[in-house]
Amino acid sequence: MLMLLVLLLFVATSSCVALRANKRFHSADRLPVQWSLTDEVNWSAPRPVALAFMPVLTVLLLGFATGLSLSVAPRPGQEHFALPVLVLMGAALLAGQQLHLWLAWRALNRGKEQRL
């Protein structure tokens, strides 16, 4: 039961971050989603698609991990690892989402500065 609550907490948090970012980037039709090693934007996606990717990925990955933890018996001595691993995965996904939003913001603002 606790595993499901953690799953829902991370999915809700990721969704709220995406909704807030949608308001923040309302003037951009497309958001950058891939950068080269030289910090150039390789390609972009429509704003709803770019922002929905991380919440969907969170549902898929954490849902899979939660399902496995509830249906597969752990090895002896590893009974208490499922929850910390789920929390670590959720935190890593949120950090990745924040990094993507920061990089997108930076790329969009850099484009505005160069046009001035």
PDB file of N, CA and C in Angstrom:
ATOM      1  N   MET A   1       0.822  -1.200   0.000  1.00  0.00           N
ATOM      2  CA  MET A   1       0.000   0.000   0.000  1.00  0.00           C
ATOM      3  C   MET A   1       0.864   1.261   0.000  1.00  0.00           C
ATOM      4  N   LEU A   2       1.944   1.240   0.771  1.00  0.00           N
ATOM      5  CA  LEU A   2       2.836   2.394   0.820  1.00  0.00           C
ATOM      6  C   LEU A   2       3.495   2.624  -0.543  1.00  0.00           C
ATOM      7  N   MET A   3       3.792   1.530  -1.231  1.00  0.00           N
ATOM      8  CA  MET A   3       4.398   1.647  -2.561  1.00  0.00           C
ATOM      9  C   MET A   3       3.462   2.386  -3.528  1.00  0.00           C
ATOM     10  N   LEU A   4       2.175   2.088  -3.453  1.00  0.00           N
ATOM     11  CA  LEU A   4       1.218   2.762  -4.331  1.00  0.00           C
ATOM     12  C   LEU A   4       1.095   4.240  -3.998  1.00  0.00           C
ATOM     13  N   LEU A   5       1.157   4.568  -2.713  1.00  0.00           N
ATOM     14  CA  LEU A   5       1.101   5.974  -2.311  1.00  0.00           C
ATOM     15  C   LEU A   5       2.324   6.741  -2.812  1.00  0.00           C
ATOM     16  N   VAL A   6       3.496   6.124  -2.734  1.00  0.00           N
ATOM     17  CA  VAL A   6       4.711   6.761  -3.244  1.00  0.00           C
ATOM     18  C   VAL A   6       4.601   6.954  -4.751  1.00  0.00           C
ATOM     19  N   LEU A   7       4.102   5.945  -5.448  1.00  0.00           N
ATOM     20  CA  LEU A   7       3.895   6.051  -6.891  1.00  0.00           C
ATOM     21  C   LEU A   7       2.981   7.229  -7.215  1.00  0.00           C
ATOM     22  N   LEU A   8       1.852   7.312  -6.538  1.00  0.00           N
ATOM     23  CA  LEU A   8       0.905   8.402  -6.787  1.00  0.00           C
ATOM     24  C   LEU A   8       1.504   9.760  -6.441  1.00  0.00           C
ATOM     25  N   LEU A   9       2.301   9.829  -5.395  1.00  0.00           N
ATOM     26  CA  LEU A   9       2.938  11.084  -5.000  1.00  0.00           C
ATOM     27  C   LEU A   9       3.884  11.585  -6.096  1.00  0.00           C
ATOM     28  N   PHE A  10       4.710  10.701  -6.634  1.00  0.00           N
ATOM     29  CA  PHE A  10       5.641  11.119  -7.676  1.00  0.00           C
ATOM     30  C   PHE A  10       4.937  11.445  -8.986  1.00  0.00           C
ATOM     31  N   VAL A  11       3.905  10.701  -9.328  1.00  0.00           N
ATOM     32  CA  VAL A  11       3.150  10.998 -10.549  1.00  0.00           C
ATOM     33  C   VAL A  11       2.441  12.347 -10.416  1.00  0.00           C
ATOM     34  N   ALA A  12       1.848  12.599  -9.262  1.00  0.00           N
ATOM     35  CA  ALA A  12       1.167  13.884  -9.040  1.00  0.00           C
ATOM     36  C   ALA A  12       2.161  15.040  -9.058  1.00  0.00           C
ATOM     37  N   THR A  13       3.307  14.850  -8.437  1.00  0.00           N
ATOM     38  CA  THR A  13       4.317  15.909  -8.412  1.00  0.00           C
ATOM     39  C   THR A  13       4.823  16.205  -9.820  1.00  0.00           C
ATOM     40  N   SER A  14       5.139  15.167 -10.585  1.00  0.00           N
ATOM     41  CA  SER A  14       5.618  15.355 -11.950  1.00  0.00           C
ATOM     42  C   SER A  14       4.557  16.029 -12.823  1.00  0.00           C
ATOM     43  N   SER A  15       3.308  15.662 -12.626  1.00  0.00           N
ATOM     44  CA  SER A  15       2.219  16.278 -13.388  1.00  0.00           C
ATOM     45  C   SER A  15       2.048  17.747 -13.030  1.00  0.00           C
ATOM     46  N   CYS A  16       2.153  18.071 -11.746  1.00  0.00           N
ATOM     47  CA  CYS A  16       2.040  19.471 -11.311  1.00  0.00           C
ATOM     48  C   CYS A  16       3.188  20.306 -11.860  1.00  0.00           C
ATOM     49  N   VAL A  17       4.385  19.754 -11.864  1.00  0.00           N
ATOM     50  CA  VAL A  17       5.538  20.465 -12.433  1.00  0.00           C
ATOM     51  C   VAL A  17       5.301  20.732 -13.919  1.00  0.00           C
ATOM     52  N   ALA A  18       4.778  19.746 -14.632  1.00  0.00           N
ATOM     53  CA  ALA A  18       4.514  19.917 -16.058  1.00  0.00           C
ATOM     54  C   ALA A  18       3.418  20.957 -16.304  1.00  0.00           C
ATOM     55  N   LEU A  19       2.391  20.968 -15.477  1.00  0.00           N
ATOM     56  CA  LEU A  19       1.319  21.956 -15.637  1.00  0.00           C
ATOM     57  C   LEU A  19       1.822  23.370 -15.361  1.00  0.00           C
ATOM     58  N   ARG A  20       2.647  23.524 -14.338  1.00  0.00           N
ATOM     59  CA  ARG A  20       3.221  24.845 -14.054  1.00  0.00           C
ATOM     60  C   ARG A  20       4.142  25.289 -15.178  1.00  0.00           C
ATOM     61  N   ALA A  21       4.910  24.355 -15.723  1.00  0.00           N
ATOM     62  CA  ALA A  21       5.805  24.689 -16.835  1.00  0.00           C
ATOM     63  C   ALA A  21       4.997  25.068 -18.074  1.00  0.00           C
ATOM     64  N   ASN A  22       3.846  24.452 -18.264  1.00  0.00           N
ATOM     65  CA  ASN A  22       2.995  24.797 -19.398  1.00  0.00           C
ATOM     66  C   ASN A  22       2.561  26.256 -19.310  1.00  0.00           C
ATOM     67  N   LYS A  23       2.253  26.728 -18.119  1.00  0.00           N
ATOM     68  CA  LYS A  23       1.900  28.141 -17.943  1.00  0.00           C
ATOM     69  C   LYS A  23       3.117  29.038 -18.167  1.00  0.00           C
ATOM     70  N   ARG A  24       4.262  28.575 -17.703  1.00  0.00           N
ATOM     71  CA  ARG A  24       5.488  29.369 -17.817  1.00  0.00           C
ATOM     72  C   ARG A  24       5.931  29.510 -19.271  1.00  0.00           C
ATOM     73  N   PHE A  25       5.773  28.453 -20.058  1.00  0.00           N
ATOM     74  CA  PHE A  25       6.194  28.454 -21.453  1.00  0.00           C
ATOM     75  C   PHE A  25       5.026  28.694 -22.412  1.00  0.00           C
ATOM     76  N   HIS A  26       3.973  29.355 -21.959  1.00  0.00           N
ATOM     77  CA  HIS A  26       2.764  29.499 -22.775  1.00  0.00           C
ATOM     78  C   HIS A  26       3.017  30.190 -24.110  1.00  0.00           C
ATOM     79  N   SER A  27       4.046  31.018 -24.195  1.00  0.00           N
ATOM     80  CA  SER A  27       4.290  31.742 -25.450  1.00  0.00           C
ATOM     81  C   SER A  27       5.074  30.912 -26.468  1.00  0.00           C
ATOM     82  N   ALA A  28       5.639  29.794 -26.051  1.00  0.00           N
ATOM     83  CA  ALA A  28       6.422  28.952 -26.969  1.00  0.00           C
ATOM     84  C   ALA A  28       5.538  27.845 -27.540  1.00  0.00           C
ATOM     85  N   ASP A  29       5.519  27.731 -28.845  1.00  0.00           N
ATOM     86  CA  ASP A  29       4.759  26.651 -29.486  1.00  0.00           C
ATOM     87  C   ASP A  29       5.495  25.320 -29.372  1.00  0.00           C
ATOM     88  N   ARG A  30       6.833  25.387 -29.431  1.00  0.00           N
ATOM     89  CA  ARG A  30       7.661  24.182 -29.371  1.00  0.00           C
ATOM     90  C   ARG A  30       8.727  24.382 -28.297  1.00  0.00           C
ATOM     91  N   LEU A  31       9.116  23.270 -27.662  1.00  0.00           N
ATOM     92  CA  LEU A  31      10.169  23.305 -26.655  1.00  0.00           C
ATOM     93  C   LEU A  31      11.328  22.417 -27.096  1.00  0.00           C
ATOM     94  N   PRO A  32      12.548  22.844 -26.840  1.00  0.00           N
ATOM     95  CA  PRO A  32      13.692  21.988 -27.161  1.00  0.00           C
ATOM     96  C   PRO A  32      13.654  20.722 -26.309  1.00  0.00           C
ATOM     97  N   VAL A  33      14.001  19.596 -26.918  1.00  0.00           N
ATOM     98  CA  VAL A  33      14.012  18.332 -26.182  1.00  0.00           C
ATOM     99  C   VAL A  33      15.320  17.571 -26.333  1.00  0.00           C
ATOM    100  N   GLN A  34      16.202  18.035 -27.221  1.00  0.00           N
ATOM    101  CA  GLN A  34      17.488  17.364 -27.364  1.00  0.00           C
ATOM    102  C   GLN A  34      18.549  18.398 -27.720  1.00  0.00           C
ATOM    103  N   TRP A  35      19.705  18.269 -27.047  1.00  0.00           N
ATOM    104  CA  TRP A  35      20.806  19.183 -27.251  1.00  0.00           C
ATOM    105  C   TRP A  35      22.041  18.404 -27.665  1.00  0.00           C
ATOM    106  N   SER A  36      22.901  19.046 -28.447  1.00  0.00           N
ATOM    107  CA  SER A  36      24.177  18.439 -28.820  1.00  0.00           C
ATOM    108  C   SER A  36      25.199  18.725 -27.722  1.00  0.00           C
ATOM    109  N   LEU A  37      26.379  18.160 -27.867  1.00  0.00           N
ATOM    110  CA  LEU A  37      27.444  18.413 -26.899  1.00  0.00           C
ATOM    111  C   LEU A  37      27.937  19.849 -26.957  1.00  0.00           C
ATOM    112  N   THR A  38      27.664  20.541 -28.057  1.00  0.00           N
ATOM    113  CA  THR A  38      28.050  21.945 -28.170  1.00  0.00           C
ATOM    114  C   THR A  38      26.935  22.883 -27.711  1.00  0.00           C
ATOM    115  N   ASP A  39      25.922  22.345 -27.053  1.00  0.00           N
ATOM    116  CA  ASP A  39      24.814  23.108 -26.478  1.00  0.00           C
ATOM    117  C   ASP A  39      23.873  23.700 -27.530  1.00  0.00           C
ATOM    118  N   GLU A  40      23.868  23.132 -28.704  1.00  0.00           N
ATOM    119  CA  GLU A  40      22.917  23.539 -29.735  1.00  0.00           C
ATOM    120  C   GLU A  40      21.689  22.648 -29.648  1.00  0.00           C
ATOM    121  N   VAL A  41      20.529  23.213 -29.916  1.00  0.00           N
ATOM    122  CA  VAL A  41      19.296  22.438 -29.894  1.00  0.00           C
ATOM    123  C   VAL A  41      19.230  21.591 -31.155  1.00  0.00           C
ATOM    124  N   ASN A  42      19.145  20.275 -30.994  1.00  0.00           N
ATOM    125  CA  ASN A  42      19.055  19.365 -32.140  1.00  0.00           C
ATOM    126  C   ASN A  42      17.638  19.272 -32.682  1.00  0.00           C
ATOM    127  N   TRP A  43      16.680  19.158 -31.785  1.00  0.00           N
ATOM    128  CA  TRP A  43      15.298  19.129 -32.237  1.00  0.00           C
ATOM    129  C   TRP A  43      14.377  19.533 -31.096  1.00  0.00           C
ATOM    130  N   SER A  44      13.178  19.909 -31.486  1.00  0.00           N
ATOM    131  CA  SER A  44      12.181  20.344 -30.512  1.00  0.00           C
ATOM    132  C   SER A  44      10.880  19.604 -30.781  1.00  0.00           C
ATOM    133  N   ALA A  45       9.989  19.688 -29.807  1.00  0.00           N
ATOM    134  CA  ALA A  45       8.692  19.016 -29.919  1.00  0.00           C
ATOM    135  C   ALA A  45       7.597  20.024 -29.565  1.00  0.00           C
ATOM    136  N   PRO A  46       6.381  19.764 -29.996  1.00  0.00           N
ATOM    137  CA  PRO A  46       5.281  20.636 -29.569  1.00  0.00           C
ATOM    138  C   PRO A  46       5.229  20.695 -28.037  1.00  0.00           C
ATOM    139  N   ARG A  47       4.902  21.856 -27.515  1.00  0.00           N
ATOM    140  CA  ARG A  47       4.937  22.074 -26.062  1.00  0.00           C
ATOM    141  C   ARG A  47       4.175  21.014 -25.277  1.00  0.00           C
ATOM    142  N   PRO A  48       2.948  20.643 -25.636  1.00  0.00           N
ATOM    143  CA  PRO A  48       2.252  19.621 -24.841  1.00  0.00           C
ATOM    144  C   PRO A  48       2.969  18.269 -24.834  1.00  0.00           C
ATOM    145  N   VAL A  49       3.549  17.902 -25.959  1.00  0.00           N
ATOM    146  CA  VAL A  49       4.256  16.625 -26.034  1.00  0.00           C
ATOM    147  C   VAL A  49       5.523  16.669 -25.183  1.00  0.00           C
ATOM    148  N   ALA A  50       6.275  17.759 -25.307  1.00  0.00           N
ATOM    149  CA  ALA A  50       7.521  17.892 -24.553  1.00  0.00           C
ATOM    150  C   ALA A  50       7.267  17.878 -23.047  1.00  0.00           C
ATOM    151  N   LEU A  51       6.190  18.511 -22.618  1.00  0.00           N
ATOM    152  CA  LEU A  51       5.914  18.589 -21.182  1.00  0.00           C
ATOM    153  C   LEU A  51       5.242  17.329 -20.646  1.00  0.00           C
ATOM    154  N   ALA A  52       4.539  16.598 -21.493  1.00  0.00           N
ATOM    155  CA  ALA A  52       3.861  15.377 -21.035  1.00  0.00           C
ATOM    156  C   ALA A  52       4.795  14.179 -20.975  1.00  0.00           C
ATOM    157  N   PHE A  53       5.960  14.276 -21.588  1.00  0.00           N
ATOM    158  CA  PHE A  53       6.849  13.123 -21.658  1.00  0.00           C
ATOM    159  C   PHE A  53       7.270  12.620 -20.279  1.00  0.00           C
ATOM    160  N   MET A  54       7.715  13.507 -19.407  1.00  0.00           N
ATOM    161  CA  MET A  54       8.211  13.057 -18.098  1.00  0.00           C
ATOM    162  C   MET A  54       7.114  12.488 -17.205  1.00  0.00           C
ATOM    163  N   PRO A  55       5.935  13.092 -17.108  1.00  0.00           N
ATOM    164  CA  PRO A  55       4.888  12.437 -16.311  1.00  0.00           C
ATOM    165  C   PRO A  55       4.514  11.052 -16.846  1.00  0.00           C
ATOM    166  N   VAL A  56       4.469  10.891 -18.160  1.00  0.00           N
ATOM    167  CA  VAL A  56       4.159   9.575 -18.734  1.00  0.00           C
ATOM    168  C   VAL A  56       5.282   8.590 -18.437  1.00  0.00           C
ATOM    169  N   LEU A  57       6.527   9.039 -18.573  1.00  0.00           N
ATOM    170  CA  LEU A  57       7.665   8.179 -18.254  1.00  0.00           C
ATOM    171  C   LEU A  57       7.654   7.791 -16.771  1.00  0.00           C
ATOM    172  N   THR A  58       7.262   8.721 -15.915  1.00  0.00           N
ATOM    173  CA  THR A  58       7.169   8.431 -14.484  1.00  0.00           C
ATOM    174  C   THR A  58       6.124   7.366 -14.213  1.00  0.00           C
ATOM    175  N   VAL A  59       4.974   7.477 -14.837  1.00  0.00           N
ATOM    176  CA  VAL A  59       3.930   6.460 -14.666  1.00  0.00           C
ATOM    177  C   VAL A  59       4.428   5.093 -15.124  1.00  0.00           C
ATOM    178  N   LEU A  60       5.067   5.063 -16.286  1.00  0.00           N
ATOM    179  CA  LEU A  60       5.523   3.783 -16.834  1.00  0.00           C
ATOM    180  C   LEU A  60       6.615   3.146 -15.979  1.00  0.00           C
ATOM    181  N   LEU A  61       7.656   3.901 -15.670  1.00  0.00           N
ATOM    182  CA  LEU A  61       8.783   3.322 -14.929  1.00  0.00           C
ATOM    183  C   LEU A  61       8.427   2.991 -13.485  1.00  0.00           C
ATOM    184  N   LEU A  62       7.826   3.948 -12.785  1.00  0.00           N
ATOM    185  CA  LEU A  62       7.490   3.688 -11.388  1.00  0.00           C
ATOM    186  C   LEU A  62       6.340   2.698 -11.271  1.00  0.00           C
ATOM    187  N   GLY A  63       5.422   2.717 -12.222  1.00  0.00           N
ATOM    188  CA  GLY A  63       4.347   1.725 -12.218  1.00  0.00           C
ATOM    189  C   GLY A  63       4.888   0.321 -12.416  1.00  0.00           C
ATOM    190  N   PHE A  64       5.850   0.182 -13.328  1.00  0.00           N
ATOM    191  CA  PHE A  64       6.475  -1.120 -13.557  1.00  0.00           C
ATOM    192  C   PHE A  64       7.227  -1.586 -12.307  1.00  0.00           C
ATOM    193  N   ALA A  65       8.007  -0.683 -11.703  1.00  0.00           N
ATOM    194  CA  ALA A  65       8.763  -1.039 -10.501  1.00  0.00           C
ATOM    195  C   ALA A  65       7.828  -1.385  -9.341  1.00  0.00           C
ATOM    196  N   THR A  66       6.743  -0.652  -9.201  1.00  0.00           N
ATOM    197  CA  THR A  66       5.776  -0.940  -8.138  1.00  0.00           C
ATOM    198  C   THR A  66       5.100  -2.282  -8.382  1.00  0.00           C
ATOM    199  N   GLY A  67       4.706  -2.522  -9.617  1.00  0.00           N
ATOM    200  CA  GLY A  67       4.087  -3.810  -9.946  1.00  0.00           C
ATOM    201  C   GLY A  67       5.018  -4.978  -9.664  1.00  0.00           C
ATOM    202  N   LEU A  68       6.277  -4.827 -10.033  1.00  0.00           N
ATOM    203  CA  LEU A  68       7.238  -5.895  -9.750  1.00  0.00           C
ATOM    204  C   LEU A  68       7.414  -6.111  -8.253  1.00  0.00           C
ATOM    205  N   SER A  69       7.514  -5.011  -7.511  1.00  0.00           N
ATOM    206  CA  SER A  69       7.737  -5.154  -6.071  1.00  0.00           C
ATOM    207  C   SER A  69       6.546  -5.795  -5.363  1.00  0.00           C
ATOM    208  N   LEU A  70       5.363  -5.604  -5.917  1.00  0.00           N
ATOM    209  CA  LEU A  70       4.175  -6.188  -5.300  1.00  0.00           C
ATOM    210  C   LEU A  70       3.925  -7.632  -5.739  1.00  0.00           C
ATOM    211  N   SER A  71       4.480  -8.025  -6.875  1.00  0.00           N
ATOM    212  CA  SER A  71       4.169  -9.358  -7.398  1.00  0.00           C
ATOM    213  C   SER A  71       5.332 -10.349  -7.368  1.00  0.00           C
ATOM    214  N   VAL A  72       6.549  -9.880  -7.221  1.00  0.00           N
ATOM    215  CA  VAL A  72       7.711 -10.768  -7.231  1.00  0.00           C
ATOM    216  C   VAL A  72       8.330 -10.781  -5.835  1.00  0.00           C
ATOM    217  N   ALA A  73       8.562 -11.975  -5.332  1.00  0.00           N
ATOM    218  CA  ALA A  73       9.163 -12.103  -4.001  1.00  0.00           C
ATOM    219  C   ALA A  73      10.638 -11.702  -4.059  1.00  0.00           C
ATOM    220  N   PRO A  74      11.083 -10.854  -3.118  1.00  0.00           N
ATOM    221  CA  PRO A  74      12.493 -10.452  -3.122  1.00  0.00           C
ATOM    222  C   PRO A  74      13.399 -11.575  -2.634  1.00  0.00           C
ATOM    223  N   ARG A  75      14.672 -11.438  -2.925  1.00  0.00           N
ATOM    224  CA  ARG A  75      15.646 -12.398  -2.430  1.00  0.00           C
ATOM    225  C   ARG A  75      15.797 -12.216  -0.925  1.00  0.00           C
ATOM    226  N   PRO A  76      16.220 -13.239  -0.235  1.00  0.00           N
ATOM    227  CA  PRO A  76      16.422 -13.111   1.208  1.00  0.00           C
ATOM    228  C   PRO A  76      17.420 -11.988   1.524  1.00  0.00           C
ATOM    229  N   GLY A  77      17.052 -11.144   2.455  1.00  0.00           N
ATOM    230  CA  GLY A  77      17.887 -10.020   2.844  1.00  0.00           C
ATOM    231  C   GLY A  77      17.600  -8.742   2.074  1.00  0.00           C
ATOM    232  N   GLN A  78      16.766  -8.809   1.038  1.00  0.00           N
ATOM    233  CA  GLN A  78      16.468  -7.632   0.223  1.00  0.00           C
ATOM    234  C   GLN A  78      15.005  -7.199   0.347  1.00  0.00           C
ATOM    235  N   GLU A  79      14.355  -7.637   1.400  1.00  0.00           N
ATOM    236  CA  GLU A  79      12.928  -7.362   1.568  1.00  0.00           C
ATOM    237  C   GLU A  79      12.615  -5.875   1.713  1.00  0.00           C
ATOM    238  N   HIS A  80      13.542  -5.102   2.233  1.00  0.00           N
ATOM    239  CA  HIS A  80      13.273  -3.697   2.534  1.00  0.00           C
ATOM    240  C   HIS A  80      13.904  -2.743   1.522  1.00  0.00           C
ATOM    241  N   PHE A  81      14.322  -3.233   0.377  1.00  0.00           N
ATOM    242  CA  PHE A  81      14.957  -2.384  -0.626  1.00  0.00           C
ATOM    243  C   PHE A  81      13.969  -1.774  -1.612  1.00  0.00           C
ATOM    244  N   ALA A  82      12.796  -2.311  -1.736  1.00  0.00           N
ATOM    245  CA  ALA A  82      11.868  -1.876  -2.775  1.00  0.00           C
ATOM    246  C   ALA A  82      11.458  -0.408  -2.599  1.00  0.00           C
ATOM    247  N   LEU A  83      11.098  -0.008  -1.407  1.00  0.00           N
ATOM    248  CA  LEU A  83      10.656   1.365  -1.188  1.00  0.00           C
ATOM    249  C   LEU A  83      11.780   2.375  -1.410  1.00  0.00           C
ATOM    250  N   PRO A  84      12.978   2.180  -0.844  1.00  0.00           N
ATOM    251  CA  PRO A  84      14.044   3.147  -1.120  1.00  0.00           C
ATOM    252  C   PRO A  84      14.407   3.244  -2.607  1.00  0.00           C
ATOM    253  N   VAL A  85      14.371   2.129  -3.307  1.00  0.00           N
ATOM    254  CA  VAL A  85      14.673   2.156  -4.741  1.00  0.00           C
ATOM    255  C   VAL A  85      13.598   2.936  -5.488  1.00  0.00           C
ATOM    256  N   LEU A  86      12.344   2.753  -5.125  1.00  0.00           N
ATOM    257  CA  LEU A  86      11.256   3.481  -5.769  1.00  0.00           C
ATOM    258  C   LEU A  86      11.394   4.981  -5.516  1.00  0.00           C
ATOM    259  N   VAL A  87      11.726   5.361  -4.298  1.00  0.00           N
ATOM    260  CA  VAL A  87      11.903   6.782  -3.969  1.00  0.00           C
ATOM    261  C   VAL A  87      13.093   7.353  -4.744  1.00  0.00           C
ATOM    262  N   LEU A  88      14.174   6.601  -4.827  1.00  0.00           N
ATOM    263  CA  LEU A  88      15.348   7.055  -5.571  1.00  0.00           C
ATOM    264  C   LEU A  88      15.026   7.224  -7.053  1.00  0.00           C
ATOM    265  N   MET A  89      14.297   6.284  -7.619  1.00  0.00           N
ATOM    266  CA  MET A  89      13.893   6.395  -9.024  1.00  0.00           C
ATOM    267  C   MET A  89      13.003   7.623  -9.240  1.00  0.00           C
ATOM    268  N   GLY A  90      12.047   7.823  -8.344  1.00  0.00           N
ATOM    269  CA  GLY A  90      11.159   8.977  -8.468  1.00  0.00           C
ATOM    270  C   GLY A  90      11.914  10.289  -8.351  1.00  0.00           C
ATOM    271  N   ALA A  91      12.851  10.362  -7.418  1.00  0.00           N
ATOM    272  CA  ALA A  91      13.652  11.578  -7.253  1.00  0.00           C
ATOM    273  C   ALA A  91      14.513  11.831  -8.489  1.00  0.00           C
ATOM    274  N   ALA A  92      15.075  10.774  -9.061  1.00  0.00           N
ATOM    275  CA  ALA A  92      15.890  10.924 -10.273  1.00  0.00           C
ATOM    276  C   ALA A  92      15.041  11.401 -11.450  1.00  0.00           C
ATOM    277  N   LEU A  93      13.828  10.894 -11.564  1.00  0.00           N
ATOM    278  CA  LEU A  93      12.938  11.340 -12.640  1.00  0.00           C
ATOM    279  C   LEU A  93      12.558  12.811 -12.470  1.00  0.00           C
ATOM    280  N   LEU A  94      12.269  13.229 -11.233  1.00  0.00           N
ATOM    281  CA  LEU A  94      11.954  14.641 -10.989  1.00  0.00           C
ATOM    282  C   LEU A  94      13.164  15.530 -11.264  1.00  0.00           C
ATOM    283  N   ALA A  95      14.345  15.076 -10.890  1.00  0.00           N
ATOM    284  CA  ALA A  95      15.562  15.851 -11.171  1.00  0.00           C
ATOM    285  C   ALA A  95      15.776  15.970 -12.677  1.00  0.00           C
ATOM    286  N   GLY A  96      15.546  14.897 -13.408  1.00  0.00           N
ATOM    287  CA  GLY A  96      15.663  14.944 -14.860  1.00  0.00           C
ATOM    288  C   GLY A  96      14.650  15.892 -15.486  1.00  0.00           C
ATOM    289  N   GLN A  97      13.452  15.906 -14.940  1.00  0.00           N
ATOM    290  CA  GLN A  97      12.425  16.822 -15.436  1.00  0.00           C
ATOM    291  C   GLN A  97      12.833  18.269 -15.183  1.00  0.00           C
ATOM    292  N   GLN A  98      13.359  18.544 -14.000  1.00  0.00           N
ATOM    293  CA  GLN A  98      13.803  19.899 -13.684  1.00  0.00           C
ATOM    294  C   GLN A  98      14.964  20.321 -14.575  1.00  0.00           C
ATOM    295  N   LEU A  99      15.887  19.402 -14.831  1.00  0.00           N
ATOM    296  CA  LEU A  99      17.002  19.707 -15.722  1.00  0.00           C
ATOM    297  C   LEU A  99      16.507  20.031 -17.125  1.00  0.00           C
ATOM    298  N   HIS A 100      15.574  19.243 -17.626  1.00  0.00           N
ATOM    299  CA  HIS A 100      15.029  19.509 -18.961  1.00  0.00           C
ATOM    300  C   HIS A 100      14.359  20.876 -19.023  1.00  0.00           C
ATOM    301  N   LEU A 101      13.578  21.214 -18.003  1.00  0.00           N
ATOM    302  CA  LEU A 101      12.890  22.506 -18.010  1.00  0.00           C
ATOM    303  C   LEU A 101      13.879  23.664 -17.929  1.00  0.00           C
ATOM    304  N   TRP A 102      14.933  23.495 -17.138  1.00  0.00           N
ATOM    305  CA  TRP A 102      15.940  24.545 -17.043  1.00  0.00           C
ATOM    306  C   TRP A 102      16.675  24.723 -18.375  1.00  0.00           C
ATOM    307  N   LEU A 103      17.044  23.610 -19.010  1.00  0.00           N
ATOM    308  CA  LEU A 103      17.723  23.688 -20.301  1.00  0.00           C
ATOM    309  C   LEU A 103      16.817  24.311 -21.364  1.00  0.00           C
ATOM    310  N   ALA A 104      15.541  23.965 -21.352  1.00  0.00           N
ATOM    311  CA  ALA A 104      14.595  24.545 -22.309  1.00  0.00           C
ATOM    312  C   ALA A 104      14.451  26.040 -22.074  1.00  0.00           C
ATOM    313  N   TRP A 105      14.323  26.430 -20.817  1.00  0.00           N
ATOM    314  CA  TRP A 105      14.212  27.854 -20.483  1.00  0.00           C
ATOM    315  C   TRP A 105      15.449  28.610 -20.950  1.00  0.00           C
ATOM    316  N   ARG A 106      16.619  28.030 -20.690  1.00  0.00           N
ATOM    317  CA  ARG A 106      17.874  28.670 -21.078  1.00  0.00           C
ATOM    318  C   ARG A 106      17.973  28.795 -22.599  1.00  0.00           C
ATOM    319  N   ALA A 107      17.599  27.746 -23.315  1.00  0.00           N
ATOM    320  CA  ALA A 107      17.664  27.785 -24.779  1.00  0.00           C
ATOM    321  C   ALA A 107      16.686  28.806 -25.351  1.00  0.00           C
ATOM    322  N   LEU A 108      15.498  28.882 -24.804  1.00  0.00           N
ATOM    323  CA  LEU A 108      14.519  29.850 -25.303  1.00  0.00           C
ATOM    324  C   LEU A 108      14.947  31.277 -24.992  1.00  0.00           C
ATOM    325  N   ASN A 109      15.506  31.507 -23.824  1.00  0.00           N
ATOM    326  CA  ASN A 109      15.954  32.857 -23.474  1.00  0.00           C
ATOM    327  C   ASN A 109      17.202  33.258 -24.247  1.00  0.00           C
ATOM    328  N   ARG A 110      18.076  32.305 -24.521  1.00  0.00           N
ATOM    329  CA  ARG A 110      19.258  32.607 -25.315  1.00  0.00           C
ATOM    330  C   ARG A 110      18.848  33.031 -26.724  1.00  0.00           C
ATOM    331  N   GLY A 111      17.831  32.389 -27.244  1.00  0.00           N
ATOM    332  CA  GLY A 111      17.334  32.760 -28.557  1.00  0.00           C
ATOM    333  C   GLY A 111      16.779  34.179 -28.574  1.00  0.00           C
ATOM    334  N   LYS A 112      16.121  34.585 -27.500  1.00  0.00           N
ATOM    335  CA  LYS A 112      15.586  35.944 -27.416  1.00  0.00           C
ATOM    336  C   LYS A 112      16.714  36.971 -27.319  1.00  0.00           C
ATOM    337  N   GLU A 113      17.744  36.644 -26.543  1.00  0.00           N
ATOM    338  CA  GLU A 113      18.854  37.578 -26.390  1.00  0.00           C
ATOM    339  C   GLU A 113      19.584  37.780 -27.714  1.00  0.00           C
ATOM    340  N   GLN A 114      19.725  36.732 -28.505  1.00  0.00           N
ATOM    341  CA  GLN A 114      20.440  36.837 -29.763  1.00  0.00           C
ATOM    342  C   GLN A 114      19.642  37.631 -30.798  1.00  0.00           C
ATOM    343  N   ARG A 115      18.320  37.616 -30.689  1.00  0.00           N
ATOM    344  CA  ARG A 115      17.480  38.349 -31.636  1.00  0.00           C
ATOM    345  C   ARG A 115      17.468  39.852 -31.349  1.00  0.00           C
ATOM    346  N   LEU A 116      17.795  40.250 -30.125  1.00  0.00           N
ATOM    347  CA  LEU A 116      17.745  41.680 -29.776  1.00  0.00           C
ATOM    348  C   LEU A 116      18.868  42.481 -30.361  1.00  0.00           C
TER     349      LEU A 116
END
